[in-house]
């Protein structure tokens, strides 16, 4: 933080530290541990994400309403957690949108954020460049 407010980097620190809707996932992550806060955030956005992944497993199922999808993350297989987030995006209501940090491919992990699509649109009207710098649509499969 600067004396006259936040700069770009300072605002990023505030968002990631304070928001339950931003997920910073280490490459050594355990799937069930990472899905727990994601499910909680989806609940905060008005939907119920059911996670059916045993505590010591690296694969299982997720569901929301009448949609379900398999999920798998195994660091030793060099899996990409983006695939898990894509699965979550497929099962949650269309009003919820997950976005990715643009430099995910260059890091030792991943950063994602989830908001209602209307909230993303409001953010973009406030500072489109900031949103583009930090949160981009999920990359295609």
C-alpha atoms as a PDB file:
ATOM      1  CA  UNK A   1       0.000   0.000   0.000  1.00  0.00           C
ATOM      2  CA  UNK A   2       1.162   3.504  -0.791  1.00  0.00           C
ATOM      3  CA  UNK A   3       0.433   6.634   1.255  1.00  0.00           C
ATOM      4  CA  UNK A   4      -2.103   7.709  -1.377  1.00  0.00           C
ATOM      5  CA  UNK A   5      -3.801   4.291  -1.690  1.00  0.00           C
ATOM      6  CA  UNK A   6      -3.062   0.974  -3.301  1.00  0.00           C
ATOM      7  CA  UNK A   7      -0.927   0.441  -6.345  1.00  0.00           C
ATOM      8  CA  UNK A   8      -1.541  -2.447  -8.757  1.00  0.00           C
ATOM      9  CA  UNK A   9       0.587  -4.923  -6.783  1.00  0.00           C
ATOM     10  CA  UNK A  10      -0.825  -3.804  -3.452  1.00  0.00           C
ATOM     11  CA  UNK A  11      -4.384  -4.214  -4.661  1.00  0.00           C
ATOM     12  CA  UNK A  12      -3.550  -7.751  -5.832  1.00  0.00           C
ATOM     13  CA  UNK A  13      -2.271  -8.573  -2.327  1.00  0.00           C
ATOM     14  CA  UNK A  14      -5.475  -7.283  -0.740  1.00  0.00           C
ATOM     15  CA  UNK A  15      -7.689  -9.226  -3.134  1.00  0.00           C
ATOM     16  CA  UNK A  16      -5.888 -12.527  -2.720  1.00  0.00           C
ATOM     17  CA  UNK A  17      -5.494 -12.255   1.059  1.00  0.00           C
ATOM     18  CA  UNK A  18      -9.028 -11.142   1.789  1.00  0.00           C
ATOM     19  CA  UNK A  19     -11.181 -12.874  -0.774  1.00  0.00           C
ATOM     20  CA  UNK A  20     -12.752 -16.297  -0.326  1.00  0.00           C
ATOM     21  CA  UNK A  21     -13.329 -16.222  -4.083  1.00  0.00           C
ATOM     22  CA  UNK A  22      -9.641 -16.306  -5.049  1.00  0.00           C
ATOM     23  CA  UNK A  23      -7.843 -19.655  -4.963  1.00  0.00           C
ATOM     24  CA  UNK A  24      -4.068 -19.956  -4.953  1.00  0.00           C
ATOM     25  CA  UNK A  25      -3.213 -23.600  -5.564  1.00  0.00           C
ATOM     26  CA  UNK A  26       0.268 -25.007  -5.118  1.00  0.00           C
ATOM     27  CA  UNK A  27       1.395 -27.696  -7.581  1.00  0.00           C
ATOM     28  CA  UNK A  28       1.728 -30.105  -4.615  1.00  0.00           C
ATOM     29  CA  UNK A  29      -1.918 -29.591  -3.703  1.00  0.00           C
ATOM     30  CA  UNK A  30      -4.241 -32.342  -2.528  1.00  0.00           C
ATOM     31  CA  UNK A  31      -7.471 -32.397  -4.515  1.00  0.00           C
ATOM     32  CA  UNK A  32      -9.919 -32.705  -1.581  1.00  0.00           C
ATOM     33  CA  UNK A  33      -8.231 -29.883   0.350  1.00  0.00           C
ATOM     34  CA  UNK A  34      -8.463 -27.527  -2.622  1.00  0.00           C
ATOM     35  CA  UNK A  35     -12.054 -28.406  -3.499  1.00  0.00           C
ATOM     36  CA  UNK A  36     -13.300 -27.542  -0.005  1.00  0.00           C
ATOM     37  CA  UNK A  37     -12.791 -23.739  -0.258  1.00  0.00           C
ATOM     38  CA  UNK A  38     -13.925 -23.801  -3.888  1.00  0.00           C
ATOM     39  CA  UNK A  39     -17.204 -25.477  -2.846  1.00  0.00           C
ATOM     40  CA  UNK A  40     -17.596 -22.916  -0.046  1.00  0.00           C
ATOM     41  CA  UNK A  41     -17.099 -20.049  -2.507  1.00  0.00           C
ATOM     42  CA  UNK A  42     -19.611 -21.543  -4.940  1.00  0.00           C
ATOM     43  CA  UNK A  43     -22.036 -21.664  -1.995  1.00  0.00           C
ATOM     44  CA  UNK A  44     -21.379 -17.985  -1.401  1.00  0.00           C
ATOM     45  CA  UNK A  45     -22.358 -17.366  -5.011  1.00  0.00           C
ATOM     46  CA  UNK A  46     -25.690 -19.106  -4.557  1.00  0.00           C
ATOM     47  CA  UNK A  47     -25.091 -22.706  -5.674  1.00  0.00           C
ATOM     48  CA  UNK A  48     -24.228 -25.962  -3.947  1.00  0.00           C
ATOM     49  CA  UNK A  49     -21.174 -27.803  -5.226  1.00  0.00           C
ATOM     50  CA  UNK A  50     -21.136 -31.370  -3.914  1.00  0.00           C
ATOM     51  CA  UNK A  51     -17.649 -32.872  -3.700  1.00  0.00           C
ATOM     52  CA  UNK A  52     -17.354 -36.652  -3.697  1.00  0.00           C
ATOM     53  CA  UNK A  53     -13.609 -37.110  -3.330  1.00  0.00           C
ATOM     54  CA  UNK A  54     -12.318 -39.173  -0.385  1.00  0.00           C
ATOM     55  CA  UNK A  55      -9.873 -37.354   1.901  1.00  0.00           C
ATOM     56  CA  UNK A  56      -6.871 -39.343   0.686  1.00  0.00           C
ATOM     57  CA  UNK A  57      -7.856 -39.598  -2.996  1.00  0.00           C
ATOM     58  CA  UNK A  58      -6.698 -37.738  -6.055  1.00  0.00           C
ATOM     59  CA  UNK A  59      -9.834 -38.354  -8.091  1.00  0.00           C
ATOM     60  CA  UNK A  60     -13.589 -38.431  -7.655  1.00  0.00           C
ATOM     61  CA  UNK A  61     -16.716 -36.584  -8.699  1.00  0.00           C
ATOM     62  CA  UNK A  62     -18.255 -33.168  -8.306  1.00  0.00           C
ATOM     63  CA  UNK A  63     -21.868 -32.219  -8.895  1.00  0.00           C
ATOM     64  CA  UNK A  64     -24.180 -29.234  -8.815  1.00  0.00           C
ATOM     65  CA  UNK A  65     -27.906 -29.476  -9.442  1.00  0.00           C
ATOM     66  CA  UNK A  66     -28.312 -32.161 -12.125  1.00  0.00           C
ATOM     67  CA  UNK A  67     -24.807 -31.864 -13.590  1.00  0.00           C
ATOM     68  CA  UNK A  68     -21.783 -33.926 -12.554  1.00  0.00           C
ATOM     69  CA  UNK A  69     -18.209 -34.339 -13.732  1.00  0.00           C
ATOM     70  CA  UNK A  70     -15.184 -36.421 -12.855  1.00  0.00           C
ATOM     71  CA  UNK A  71     -12.198 -34.622 -11.321  1.00  0.00           C
ATOM     72  CA  UNK A  72      -8.602 -35.728 -10.971  1.00  0.00           C
ATOM     73  CA  UNK A  73      -5.438 -34.041  -9.789  1.00  0.00           C
ATOM     74  CA  UNK A  74      -2.240 -35.956  -9.211  1.00  0.00           C
ATOM     75  CA  UNK A  75       0.945 -33.877  -9.055  1.00  0.00           C
ATOM     76  CA  UNK A  76       3.100 -36.901  -9.928  1.00  0.00           C
ATOM     77  CA  UNK A  77       1.173 -37.210 -13.217  1.00  0.00           C
ATOM     78  CA  UNK A  78       1.915 -33.529 -13.899  1.00  0.00           C
ATOM     79  CA  UNK A  79      -1.817 -32.844 -14.003  1.00  0.00           C
ATOM     80  CA  UNK A  80      -2.964 -29.285 -14.555  1.00  0.00           C
ATOM     81  CA  UNK A  81      -5.373 -27.970 -11.898  1.00  0.00           C
ATOM     82  CA  UNK A  82      -6.977 -25.905 -14.651  1.00  0.00           C
ATOM     83  CA  UNK A  83      -8.696 -29.136 -15.713  1.00  0.00           C
ATOM     84  CA  UNK A  84     -10.313 -29.382 -12.272  1.00  0.00           C
ATOM     85  CA  UNK A  85     -11.525 -25.779 -12.483  1.00  0.00           C
ATOM     86  CA  UNK A  86     -12.889 -26.414 -15.984  1.00  0.00           C
ATOM     87  CA  UNK A  87     -14.871 -29.354 -14.559  1.00  0.00           C
ATOM     88  CA  UNK A  88     -16.241 -27.129 -11.788  1.00  0.00           C
ATOM     89  CA  UNK A  89     -17.195 -24.504 -14.378  1.00  0.00           C
ATOM     90  CA  UNK A  90     -19.090 -27.151 -16.378  1.00  0.00           C
ATOM     91  CA  UNK A  91     -21.278 -28.171 -13.422  1.00  0.00           C
ATOM     92  CA  UNK A  92     -22.020 -24.851 -11.698  1.00  0.00           C
ATOM     93  CA  UNK A  93     -24.827 -22.604 -12.942  1.00  0.00           C
ATOM     94  CA  UNK A  94     -23.919 -20.385 -15.909  1.00  0.00           C
ATOM     95  CA  UNK A  95     -24.233 -17.289 -13.708  1.00  0.00           C
ATOM     96  CA  UNK A  96     -20.961 -18.280 -11.991  1.00  0.00           C
ATOM     97  CA  UNK A  97     -17.713 -17.737 -13.871  1.00  0.00           C
ATOM     98  CA  UNK A  98     -14.226 -18.913 -12.972  1.00  0.00           C
ATOM     99  CA  UNK A  99     -11.271 -17.008 -14.350  1.00  0.00           C
ATOM    100  CA  UNK A 100      -7.551 -17.729 -14.289  1.00  0.00           C
ATOM    101  CA  UNK A 101      -4.473 -15.678 -13.546  1.00  0.00           C
ATOM    102  CA  UNK A 102      -2.774 -15.102 -16.932  1.00  0.00           C
ATOM    103  CA  UNK A 103       0.644 -16.370 -15.801  1.00  0.00           C
ATOM    104  CA  UNK A 104      -0.578 -19.709 -14.415  1.00  0.00           C
ATOM    105  CA  UNK A 105       1.491 -21.652 -16.951  1.00  0.00           C
ATOM    106  CA  UNK A 106       4.673 -19.913 -15.763  1.00  0.00           C
ATOM    107  CA  UNK A 107       4.255 -20.583 -12.034  1.00  0.00           C
ATOM    108  CA  UNK A 108       4.591 -23.495  -9.615  1.00  0.00           C
ATOM    109  CA  UNK A 109       0.850 -23.463  -9.154  1.00  0.00           C
ATOM    110  CA  UNK A 110      -2.319 -21.784 -10.246  1.00  0.00           C
ATOM    111  CA  UNK A 111      -4.501 -18.866  -9.264  1.00  0.00           C
ATOM    112  CA  UNK A 112      -8.216 -18.747 -10.043  1.00  0.00           C
ATOM    113  CA  UNK A 113     -11.133 -16.556  -9.038  1.00  0.00           C
ATOM    114  CA  UNK A 114     -14.884 -17.113  -9.102  1.00  0.00           C
ATOM    115  CA  UNK A 115     -17.602 -14.471  -9.211  1.00  0.00           C
ATOM    116  CA  UNK A 116     -21.029 -14.042 -10.662  1.00  0.00           C
ATOM    117  CA  UNK A 117     -20.764 -13.036 -14.318  1.00  0.00           C
ATOM    118  CA  UNK A 118     -22.560  -9.778 -13.537  1.00  0.00           C
ATOM    119  CA  UNK A 119     -19.918  -8.993 -10.897  1.00  0.00           C
ATOM    120  CA  UNK A 120     -17.117  -9.600 -13.402  1.00  0.00           C
ATOM    121  CA  UNK A 121     -18.919  -7.205 -15.777  1.00  0.00           C
ATOM    122  CA  UNK A 122     -19.165  -4.545 -13.048  1.00  0.00           C
ATOM    123  CA  UNK A 123     -15.455  -4.906 -12.251  1.00  0.00           C
ATOM    124  CA  UNK A 124     -14.614  -4.532 -15.930  1.00  0.00           C
ATOM    125  CA  UNK A 125     -16.552  -1.263 -16.096  1.00  0.00           C
ATOM    126  CA  UNK A 126     -14.558   0.044 -13.108  1.00  0.00           C
ATOM    127  CA  UNK A 127     -11.093  -0.961 -14.345  1.00  0.00           C
ATOM    128  CA  UNK A 128     -11.005  -3.162 -17.416  1.00  0.00           C
ATOM    129  CA  UNK A 129      -7.208  -3.210 -17.598  1.00  0.00           C
ATOM    130  CA  UNK A 130      -6.849  -4.387 -13.994  1.00  0.00           C
ATOM    131  CA  UNK A 131      -9.287  -7.234 -14.576  1.00  0.00           C
ATOM    132  CA  UNK A 132      -7.514  -8.193 -17.802  1.00  0.00           C
ATOM    133  CA  UNK A 133      -4.109  -8.108 -16.069  1.00  0.00           C
ATOM    134  CA  UNK A 134      -5.166 -10.432 -13.246  1.00  0.00           C
ATOM    135  CA  UNK A 135      -8.213 -12.460 -14.314  1.00  0.00           C
ATOM    136  CA  UNK A 136      -8.761 -13.931 -17.758  1.00  0.00           C
ATOM    137  CA  UNK A 137     -11.262 -16.433 -19.092  1.00  0.00           C
ATOM    138  CA  UNK A 138     -10.237 -20.022 -18.572  1.00  0.00           C
ATOM    139  CA  UNK A 139      -8.003 -21.270 -21.376  1.00  0.00           C
ATOM    140  CA  UNK A 140      -9.702 -23.667 -23.797  1.00  0.00           C
ATOM    141  CA  UNK A 141      -9.391 -27.421 -23.282  1.00  0.00           C
END
